[in-house]
Amino acid sequence: MQVYKAIKYIRLSYTDDKTVESDSVANQRRLIDDYIARHPEIEVVAEKIDDGYSGVLFDRPAFQEMMRMIEQGEANCVIVKDLSRLGRE
């Protein structure tokens, strides 16, 4: 069985309503963790959080750290709540 070295990536935009539980950091983490729990082939190597960053920009600190890890071969998989958390447009 192939093992995926995964980074959990969580992003909450400064424009997101932080009172809405569906996109909160805690809720995103819980959904990702639930998914990982059902997939033994996934090994989490890091969790990266960009709290207060727009998905339109890609110079987010945690996003850049995640990309460096991928480029250096430390991870080969990214898990997000949905693609809008990774980026927009």
Protein backbone atom coordinates (compact mmCIF):
# COMPACT_ATOMS: atom_id res chain seq x y z
CA MET A 1 0.00 0.00 0.00
CA GLN A 2 1.35 3.42 -0.93
CA VAL A 3 1.69 5.83 1.98
CA TYR A 4 0.98 9.49 1.30
CA LYS A 5 2.98 12.05 3.27
CA ALA A 6 0.31 14.67 3.78
CA ILE A 7 0.15 18.26 4.88
CA LYS A 8 -3.12 19.43 6.41
CA TYR A 9 -3.71 22.93 5.04
CA ILE A 10 -6.23 25.25 6.69
CA ARG A 11 -7.01 28.79 5.61
CA LEU A 12 -9.47 31.29 7.00
CA SER A 13 -9.80 34.52 5.05
CA TYR A 14 -9.96 37.84 6.83
CA THR A 15 -13.15 38.39 4.85
CA ASP A 16 -14.75 35.17 6.11
CA ASP A 17 -17.29 35.64 8.86
CA LYS A 18 -15.42 34.13 11.80
CA THR A 19 -18.71 33.42 13.57
CA VAL A 20 -19.65 30.90 10.89
CA GLU A 21 -18.60 27.48 12.12
CA SER A 22 -18.53 25.89 8.66
CA ASP A 23 -15.25 27.59 7.72
CA SER A 24 -13.61 27.97 11.12
CA VAL A 25 -10.12 26.67 11.70
CA ALA A 26 -11.41 24.14 14.25
CA ASN A 27 -14.10 22.87 11.90
CA GLN A 28 -11.71 22.56 8.96
CA ARG A 29 -9.27 20.61 11.16
CA ARG A 30 -12.05 18.29 12.36
CA LEU A 31 -13.25 17.55 8.82
CA ILE A 32 -9.70 16.86 7.63
CA ASP A 33 -8.95 14.67 10.66
CA ASP A 34 -12.17 12.69 10.10
CA TYR A 35 -11.12 12.05 6.50
CA ILE A 36 -7.60 11.01 7.50
CA ALA A 37 -8.96 8.64 10.16
CA ARG A 38 -10.70 6.67 7.39
CA HIS A 39 -7.55 6.46 5.26
CA PRO A 40 -4.69 4.53 6.87
CA GLU A 41 -2.52 5.16 3.81
CA ILE A 42 -2.20 8.84 4.83
CA GLU A 43 0.59 9.88 7.18
CA VAL A 44 0.34 13.50 8.33
CA VAL A 45 3.74 15.19 8.30
CA ALA A 46 2.60 18.76 9.00
CA GLU A 47 -0.30 21.09 9.55
CA LYS A 48 -0.14 24.57 8.03
CA ILE A 49 -2.59 27.35 8.87
CA ASP A 50 -3.03 30.71 7.20
CA ASP A 51 -5.50 32.57 9.40
CA GLY A 52 -6.61 35.90 8.01
CA TYR A 53 -5.32 35.55 4.44
CA SER A 54 -7.26 35.87 1.21
CA GLY A 55 -7.32 32.86 -1.08
CA VAL A 56 -6.67 35.11 -4.07
CA LEU A 57 -3.06 35.71 -2.96
CA PHE A 58 -0.51 32.91 -2.85
CA ASP A 59 2.23 34.66 -0.87
CA ARG A 60 0.66 33.41 2.37
CA PRO A 61 3.30 32.28 4.91
CA ALA A 62 1.95 28.79 5.63
CA PHE A 63 1.18 28.19 1.94
CA GLN A 64 4.77 29.06 1.05
CA GLU A 65 6.12 26.75 3.80
CA MET A 66 3.89 23.97 2.47
CA MET A 67 5.16 24.49 -1.08
CA ARG A 68 8.79 24.34 0.14
CA MET A 69 8.07 21.04 1.91
CA ILE A 70 6.59 19.60 -1.29
CA GLU A 71 9.51 20.83 -3.41
CA GLN A 72 11.98 19.29 -0.93
CA GLY A 73 10.18 15.94 -1.04
CA GLU A 74 8.99 16.08 2.57
CA ALA A 75 5.35 15.76 1.48
CA ASN A 76 3.50 14.52 -1.58
CA CYS A 77 -0.10 15.23 -0.65
CA VAL A 78 -2.14 18.21 0.57
CA ILE A 79 -5.48 17.79 2.29
CA VAL A 80 -7.94 20.69 2.56
CA LYS A 81 -11.59 21.05 3.54
CA ASP A 82 -12.38 22.10 -0.02
CA LEU A 83 -10.49 23.69 -2.89
CA SER A 84 -11.58 27.21 -1.92
CA ARG A 85 -9.37 26.88 1.17
CA LEU A 86 -6.33 26.23 -1.03
CA GLY A 87 -6.93 29.20 -3.30
CA ARG A 88 -9.40 31.12 -5.38
CA GLU A 89 -9.61 32.19 -8.99
